[in-house]
Amino acid sequence: MAFCREIRFDRMGAFAYSPEEDTAAAAMPDQIPEEVKQHRLDRLMQQQAAISREENEKRVGSVCRALVTGRRGGMYTARTQWEAPDADGIILIGTDRRLNIGDFAQVRITSADTYDLKAELCEERL
């Protein structure tokens, strides 16, 4: 946890250790109970959620080029070069203008939560 606090990953995934067949670690005595592993993972991910939100909040007000990827709940979804598809958060664009999936749009980040960002169009599509 100290390492993650120091490094401050923008995004991070983690999992609890699970023994793999035919490995030295799986044969070691005094294995950690599942509930302890889960508790440790939960603490780590809570810490990371706070870091992720802080890092996302730093992006509020910035302008970036975003690829329109779909629609959700009346908003367009998008991502920049910094968000991996199907792994990282998304950018939700609020606009009455019609955008096409695959278009690039210049957007201004208007708000942030732990994983996703909200944005508005700020100029003509790129």
C-alpha atoms as a PDB file:
ATOM      1  CA  MET A   1       0.000   0.000   0.000  1.00  0.00           C
ATOM      2  CA  ALA A   2       2.878   2.374   0.744  1.00  0.00           C
ATOM      3  CA  PHE A   3       4.330   1.727  -2.709  1.00  0.00           C
ATOM      4  CA  CYS A   4       0.997   2.483  -4.379  1.00  0.00           C
ATOM      5  CA  ARG A   5       0.593   5.661  -2.293  1.00  0.00           C
ATOM      6  CA  GLU A   6       4.044   6.792  -3.394  1.00  0.00           C
ATOM      7  CA  ILE A   7       3.706   5.912  -7.091  1.00  0.00           C
ATOM      8  CA  ARG A   8       0.097   7.176  -7.393  1.00  0.00           C
ATOM      9  CA  PHE A   9      -1.007   5.078 -10.354  1.00  0.00           C
ATOM     10  CA  ASP A  10      -3.603   6.851 -12.487  1.00  0.00           C
ATOM     11  CA  ARG A  11      -5.356   3.495 -12.827  1.00  0.00           C
ATOM     12  CA  MET A  12      -4.648   0.158 -11.253  1.00  0.00           C
ATOM     13  CA  GLY A  13      -6.111  -3.301 -11.138  1.00  0.00           C
ATOM     14  CA  ALA A  14      -5.268  -5.850  -8.457  1.00  0.00           C
ATOM     15  CA  PHE A  15      -6.333  -9.297  -7.359  1.00  0.00           C
ATOM     16  CA  ALA A  16      -5.936 -11.502  -4.323  1.00  0.00           C
ATOM     17  CA  TYR A  17      -3.304 -14.222  -4.496  1.00  0.00           C
ATOM     18  CA  SER A  18      -4.575 -17.625  -5.493  1.00  0.00           C
ATOM     19  CA  PRO A  19      -2.355 -20.712  -5.458  1.00  0.00           C
ATOM     20  CA  GLU A  20      -1.384 -22.077  -8.844  1.00  0.00           C
ATOM     21  CA  GLU A  21      -1.001 -25.796  -9.205  1.00  0.00           C
ATOM     22  CA  ASP A  22       2.585 -27.110  -9.260  1.00  0.00           C
ATOM     23  CA  THR A  23       4.147 -23.883  -7.948  1.00  0.00           C
ATOM     24  CA  ALA A  24       6.405 -23.553  -4.917  1.00  0.00           C
ATOM     25  CA  ALA A  25       4.143 -20.882  -3.413  1.00  0.00           C
ATOM     26  CA  ALA A  26       1.101 -23.145  -3.564  1.00  0.00           C
ATOM     27  CA  ALA A  27       2.940 -25.792  -1.516  1.00  0.00           C
ATOM     28  CA  MET A  28       4.102 -23.399   1.222  1.00  0.00           C
ATOM     29  CA  PRO A  29       2.692 -23.888   4.701  1.00  0.00           C
ATOM     30  CA  ASP A  30       0.675 -21.246   6.582  1.00  0.00           C
ATOM     31  CA  GLN A  31      -1.327 -19.980   3.615  1.00  0.00           C
ATOM     32  CA  ILE A  32      -3.153 -16.693   4.212  1.00  0.00           C
ATOM     33  CA  PRO A  33      -6.913 -17.188   4.792  1.00  0.00           C
ATOM     34  CA  GLU A  34      -9.198 -16.021   1.962  1.00  0.00           C
ATOM     35  CA  GLU A  35     -10.959 -13.451   4.165  1.00  0.00           C
ATOM     36  CA  VAL A  36      -7.595 -11.838   5.035  1.00  0.00           C
ATOM     37  CA  LYS A  37      -6.603 -11.724   1.370  1.00  0.00           C
ATOM     38  CA  GLN A  38      -9.940 -10.158   0.457  1.00  0.00           C
ATOM     39  CA  HIS A  39      -9.677  -7.595   3.267  1.00  0.00           C
ATOM     40  CA  ARG A  40      -6.203  -6.585   2.082  1.00  0.00           C
ATOM     41  CA  LEU A  41      -7.397  -6.295  -1.506  1.00  0.00           C
ATOM     42  CA  ASP A  42     -10.387  -4.192  -0.432  1.00  0.00           C
ATOM     43  CA  ARG A  43      -8.122  -1.793   1.516  1.00  0.00           C
ATOM     44  CA  LEU A  44      -5.741  -1.469  -1.423  1.00  0.00           C
ATOM     45  CA  MET A  45      -8.530  -0.790  -3.901  1.00  0.00           C
ATOM     46  CA  GLN A  46     -10.181   1.767  -1.586  1.00  0.00           C
ATOM     47  CA  GLN A  47      -6.869   3.593  -1.382  1.00  0.00           C
ATOM     48  CA  GLN A  48      -6.494   3.413  -5.155  1.00  0.00           C
ATOM     49  CA  ALA A  49     -10.039   4.692  -5.733  1.00  0.00           C
ATOM     50  CA  ALA A  50      -9.177   7.847  -3.789  1.00  0.00           C
ATOM     51  CA  ILE A  51      -5.965   8.304  -5.781  1.00  0.00           C
ATOM     52  CA  SER A  52      -7.780   7.717  -9.084  1.00  0.00           C
ATOM     53  CA  ARG A  53     -10.392  10.326  -8.212  1.00  0.00           C
ATOM     54  CA  GLU A  54      -7.709  12.866  -7.258  1.00  0.00           C
ATOM     55  CA  GLU A  55      -5.863  12.232 -10.524  1.00  0.00           C
ATOM     56  CA  ASN A  56      -9.101  12.525 -12.536  1.00  0.00           C
ATOM     57  CA  GLU A  57      -9.968  15.793 -10.774  1.00  0.00           C
ATOM     58  CA  LYS A  58      -6.665  17.241 -11.987  1.00  0.00           C
ATOM     59  CA  ARG A  59      -8.009  16.858 -15.535  1.00  0.00           C
ATOM     60  CA  VAL A  60     -11.070  19.060 -14.929  1.00  0.00           C
ATOM     61  CA  GLY A  61     -10.817  22.134 -17.158  1.00  0.00           C
ATOM     62  CA  SER A  62      -8.390  20.521 -19.573  1.00  0.00           C
ATOM     63  CA  VAL A  63      -9.115  20.220 -23.282  1.00  0.00           C
ATOM     64  CA  CYS A  64      -8.368  16.993 -25.117  1.00  0.00           C
ATOM     65  CA  ARG A  65      -9.065  15.082 -28.296  1.00  0.00           C
ATOM     66  CA  ALA A  66     -11.479  12.220 -27.676  1.00  0.00           C
ATOM     67  CA  LEU A  67     -12.650   9.330 -29.834  1.00  0.00           C
ATOM     68  CA  VAL A  68     -16.432   8.884 -29.738  1.00  0.00           C
ATOM     69  CA  THR A  69     -17.126   5.223 -28.914  1.00  0.00           C
ATOM     70  CA  GLY A  70     -20.891   5.008 -28.304  1.00  0.00           C
ATOM     71  CA  ARG A  71     -23.882   6.319 -26.346  1.00  0.00           C
ATOM     72  CA  ARG A  72     -25.029   5.730 -22.799  1.00  0.00           C
ATOM     73  CA  GLY A  73     -27.935   7.321 -20.969  1.00  0.00           C
ATOM     74  CA  GLY A  74     -28.385  10.194 -23.402  1.00  0.00           C
ATOM     75  CA  MET A  75     -24.676  11.016 -23.488  1.00  0.00           C
ATOM     76  CA  TYR A  76     -21.923  10.043 -25.872  1.00  0.00           C
ATOM     77  CA  THR A  77     -19.094   7.886 -24.580  1.00  0.00           C
ATOM     78  CA  ALA A  78     -15.525   8.605 -25.585  1.00  0.00           C
ATOM     79  CA  ARG A  79     -11.933   7.983 -24.654  1.00  0.00           C
ATOM     80  CA  THR A  80      -8.628   9.689 -25.220  1.00  0.00           C
ATOM     81  CA  GLN A  81      -5.280   8.120 -25.959  1.00  0.00           C
ATOM     82  CA  TRP A  82      -4.907   7.726 -22.173  1.00  0.00           C
ATOM     83  CA  GLU A  83      -7.949   5.454 -21.632  1.00  0.00           C
ATOM     84  CA  ALA A  84      -7.696   1.819 -22.701  1.00  0.00           C
ATOM     85  CA  PRO A  85     -10.901   0.402 -24.178  1.00  0.00           C
ATOM     86  CA  ASP A  86     -12.798  -1.999 -21.919  1.00  0.00           C
ATOM     87  CA  ALA A  87     -10.314  -1.473 -19.079  1.00  0.00           C
ATOM     88  CA  ASP A  88     -10.269   2.174 -18.017  1.00  0.00           C
ATOM     89  CA  GLY A  89     -12.950   4.717 -17.282  1.00  0.00           C
ATOM     90  CA  ILE A  90     -14.779   6.628 -19.984  1.00  0.00           C
ATOM     91  CA  ILE A  91     -15.510  10.216 -20.881  1.00  0.00           C
ATOM     92  CA  LEU A  92     -19.210  11.098 -21.066  1.00  0.00           C
ATOM     93  CA  ILE A  93     -19.945  13.950 -23.465  1.00  0.00           C
ATOM     94  CA  GLY A  94     -23.105  15.960 -22.973  1.00  0.00           C
ATOM     95  CA  THR A  95     -24.251  17.597 -26.203  1.00  0.00           C
ATOM     96  CA  ASP A  96     -27.336  18.080 -28.349  1.00  0.00           C
ATOM     97  CA  ARG A  97     -25.161  17.852 -31.445  1.00  0.00           C
ATOM     98  CA  ARG A  98     -25.105  14.576 -33.346  1.00  0.00           C
ATOM     99  CA  LEU A  99     -21.794  12.767 -33.125  1.00  0.00           C
ATOM    100  CA  ASN A 100     -20.862   9.623 -34.972  1.00  0.00           C
ATOM    101  CA  ILE A 101     -19.070   6.656 -33.482  1.00  0.00           C
ATOM    102  CA  GLY A 102     -15.497   6.866 -34.698  1.00  0.00           C
ATOM    103  CA  ASP A 103     -15.462  10.676 -34.846  1.00  0.00           C
ATOM    104  CA  PHE A 104     -12.888  12.646 -32.925  1.00  0.00           C
ATOM    105  CA  ALA A 105     -14.138  15.582 -30.883  1.00  0.00           C
ATOM    106  CA  GLN A 106     -12.342  18.270 -28.958  1.00  0.00           C
ATOM    107  CA  VAL A 107     -13.786  18.280 -25.445  1.00  0.00           C
ATOM    108  CA  ARG A 108     -13.317  20.146 -22.185  1.00  0.00           C
ATOM    109  CA  ILE A 109     -13.419  17.992 -19.058  1.00  0.00           C
ATOM    110  CA  THR A 110     -16.087  19.461 -16.768  1.00  0.00           C
ATOM    111  CA  SER A 111     -16.210  17.017 -13.845  1.00  0.00           C
ATOM    112  CA  ALA A 112     -14.645  13.839 -12.532  1.00  0.00           C
ATOM    113  CA  ASP A 113     -15.529  10.873 -10.395  1.00  0.00           C
ATOM    114  CA  THR A 114     -13.448   7.890  -9.361  1.00  0.00           C
ATOM    115  CA  TYR A 115     -13.258   6.288 -12.788  1.00  0.00           C
ATOM    116  CA  ASP A 116     -15.133   8.392 -15.355  1.00  0.00           C
ATOM    117  CA  LEU A 117     -15.027  11.969 -16.583  1.00  0.00           C
ATOM    118  CA  LYS A 118     -17.748  14.255 -17.941  1.00  0.00           C
ATOM    119  CA  ALA A 119     -17.067  16.664 -20.753  1.00  0.00           C
ATOM    120  CA  GLU A 120     -18.597  19.161 -23.148  1.00  0.00           C
ATOM    121  CA  LEU A 121     -17.769  19.886 -26.761  1.00  0.00           C
ATOM    122  CA  CYS A 122     -15.597  22.959 -26.970  1.00  0.00           C
ATOM    123  CA  GLU A 123     -15.039  23.456 -30.720  1.00  0.00           C
ATOM    124  CA  GLU A 124     -15.765  21.959 -34.100  1.00  0.00           C
ATOM    125  CA  ARG A 125     -15.097  18.251 -34.382  1.00  0.00           C
ATOM    126  CA  LEU A 126     -11.550  17.370 -35.320  1.00  0.00           C
END
